[in-house]
Amino acid sequence: MSEHHPSPERPYLLDHEGRIARLEGIVEQIDVRLGRIETKIDANREALETKIDSLLRWVIALQVATWGLIGALKLFG
């Protein structure tokens, strides 16, 4: 039984070119999948940054309102 010719019992045996071609295909698929993951992460990061900015504005506004209320209570209370 030759290693270069797959047998019915061992169909996974390929010649070197076939094995390299298979590995290249796997690497290309990994590259495509990682690209998709990177795109999703970038989109999620941008959405998260937008939400954080919005929440930070609310916190700052509430803090300023609280300081104003405390100041008003000290002046008029």
C-alpha atoms as a PDB file:
ATOM      1  CA  MET A   1       0.000   0.000   0.000  1.00  0.00           C
ATOM      2  CA  SER A   2       1.538   3.300  -1.085  1.00  0.00           C
ATOM      3  CA  GLU A   3       1.280   6.460   0.997  1.00  0.00           C
ATOM      4  CA  HIS A   4       0.619   8.500  -2.148  1.00  0.00           C
ATOM      5  CA  HIS A   5      -2.560   6.625  -3.077  1.00  0.00           C
ATOM      6  CA  PRO A   6      -5.375   6.644  -0.546  1.00  0.00           C
ATOM      7  CA  SER A   7      -6.894   3.275   0.130  1.00  0.00           C
ATOM      8  CA  PRO A   8     -10.548   2.687   1.001  1.00  0.00           C
ATOM      9  CA  GLU A   9      -9.492   2.012   4.594  1.00  0.00           C
ATOM     10  CA  ARG A  10      -7.418   5.204   4.834  1.00  0.00           C
ATOM     11  CA  PRO A  11      -9.026   7.838   2.552  1.00  0.00           C
ATOM     12  CA  TYR A  12      -7.395  10.662   4.486  1.00  0.00           C
ATOM     13  CA  LEU A  13      -3.963   9.858   3.097  1.00  0.00           C
ATOM     14  CA  LEU A  14      -3.084  12.292   0.343  1.00  0.00           C
ATOM     15  CA  ASP A  15       0.087  13.072  -1.504  1.00  0.00           C
ATOM     16  CA  HIS A  16       2.102  16.060  -0.317  1.00  0.00           C
ATOM     17  CA  GLU A  17       0.564  18.440  -2.841  1.00  0.00           C
ATOM     18  CA  GLY A  18      -2.917  17.375  -1.821  1.00  0.00           C
ATOM     19  CA  ARG A  19      -2.102  17.776   1.861  1.00  0.00           C
ATOM     20  CA  ILE A  20      -0.576  21.211   1.284  1.00  0.00           C
ATOM     21  CA  ALA A  21      -3.572  22.278  -0.816  1.00  0.00           C
ATOM     22  CA  ARG A  22      -5.912  21.132   1.948  1.00  0.00           C
ATOM     23  CA  LEU A  23      -3.934  23.079   4.557  1.00  0.00           C
ATOM     24  CA  GLU A  24      -3.951  26.169   2.346  1.00  0.00           C
ATOM     25  CA  GLY A  25      -7.727  25.890   2.065  1.00  0.00           C
ATOM     26  CA  ILE A  26      -8.031  25.613   5.824  1.00  0.00           C
ATOM     27  CA  VAL A  27      -5.804  28.668   6.310  1.00  0.00           C
ATOM     28  CA  GLU A  28      -7.910  30.653   3.834  1.00  0.00           C
ATOM     29  CA  GLN A  29     -11.077  29.710   5.722  1.00  0.00           C
ATOM     30  CA  ILE A  30      -9.468  30.756   9.002  1.00  0.00           C
ATOM     31  CA  ASP A  31      -8.498  34.080   7.429  1.00  0.00           C
ATOM     32  CA  VAL A  32     -12.070  34.678   6.222  1.00  0.00           C
ATOM     33  CA  ARG A  33     -13.572  33.745   9.577  1.00  0.00           C
ATOM     34  CA  LEU A  34     -11.131  35.914  11.519  1.00  0.00           C
ATOM     35  CA  GLY A  35     -11.969  38.792   9.187  1.00  0.00           C
ATOM     36  CA  ARG A  36     -15.660  38.377   9.972  1.00  0.00           C
ATOM     37  CA  ILE A  37     -14.952  38.240  13.707  1.00  0.00           C
ATOM     38  CA  GLU A  38     -12.794  41.360  13.466  1.00  0.00           C
ATOM     39  CA  THR A  39     -15.566  43.205  11.613  1.00  0.00           C
ATOM     40  CA  LYS A  40     -18.141  42.225  14.255  1.00  0.00           C
ATOM     41  CA  ILE A  41     -15.834  43.248  17.094  1.00  0.00           C
ATOM     42  CA  ASP A  42     -15.191  46.626  15.470  1.00  0.00           C
ATOM     43  CA  ALA A  43     -18.922  47.233  15.016  1.00  0.00           C
ATOM     44  CA  ASN A  44     -19.670  46.219  18.598  1.00  0.00           C
ATOM     45  CA  ARG A  45     -16.846  48.386  19.918  1.00  0.00           C
ATOM     46  CA  GLU A  46     -18.191  51.423  18.057  1.00  0.00           C
ATOM     47  CA  ALA A  47     -21.703  50.808  19.395  1.00  0.00           C
ATOM     48  CA  LEU A  48     -20.343  50.365  22.915  1.00  0.00           C
ATOM     49  CA  GLU A  49     -18.311  53.572  22.679  1.00  0.00           C
ATOM     50  CA  THR A  50     -21.441  55.448  21.588  1.00  0.00           C
ATOM     51  CA  LYS A  51     -23.409  54.084  24.544  1.00  0.00           C
ATOM     52  CA  ILE A  52     -20.615  54.912  26.984  1.00  0.00           C
ATOM     53  CA  ASP A  53     -20.414  58.469  25.650  1.00  0.00           C
ATOM     54  CA  SER A  54     -24.165  58.887  26.058  1.00  0.00           C
ATOM     55  CA  LEU A  55     -24.128  57.496  29.587  1.00  0.00           C
ATOM     56  CA  LEU A  56     -21.172  59.688  30.536  1.00  0.00           C
ATOM     57  CA  ARG A  57     -23.088  62.773  29.394  1.00  0.00           C
ATOM     58  CA  TRP A  58     -26.033  61.718  31.580  1.00  0.00           C
ATOM     59  CA  VAL A  59     -23.794  61.155  34.602  1.00  0.00           C
ATOM     60  CA  ILE A  60     -22.148  64.546  34.150  1.00  0.00           C
ATOM     61  CA  ALA A  61     -25.539  66.253  33.754  1.00  0.00           C
ATOM     62  CA  LEU A  62     -26.889  64.549  36.860  1.00  0.00           C
ATOM     63  CA  GLN A  63     -23.775  65.467  38.832  1.00  0.00           C
ATOM     64  CA  VAL A  64     -24.055  69.127  37.799  1.00  0.00           C
ATOM     65  CA  ALA A  65     -27.764  69.118  38.686  1.00  0.00           C
ATOM     66  CA  THR A  66     -26.963  67.582  42.083  1.00  0.00           C
ATOM     67  CA  TRP A  67     -24.310  70.223  42.797  1.00  0.00           C
ATOM     68  CA  GLY A  68     -26.776  72.931  41.732  1.00  0.00           C
ATOM     69  CA  LEU A  69     -29.452  71.532  44.027  1.00  0.00           C
ATOM     70  CA  ILE A  70     -27.031  71.312  46.946  1.00  0.00           C
ATOM     71  CA  GLY A  71     -25.932  74.903  46.290  1.00  0.00           C
ATOM     72  CA  ALA A  72     -29.532  76.087  46.118  1.00  0.00           C
ATOM     73  CA  LEU A  73     -30.395  74.311  49.365  1.00  0.00           C
ATOM     74  CA  LYS A  74     -27.431  75.918  51.126  1.00  0.00           C
ATOM     75  CA  LEU A  75     -28.404  79.381  49.838  1.00  0.00           C
ATOM     76  CA  PHE A  76     -32.122  79.135  50.487  1.00  0.00           C
ATOM     77  CA  GLY A  77     -32.368  76.363  53.076  1.00  0.00           C
END
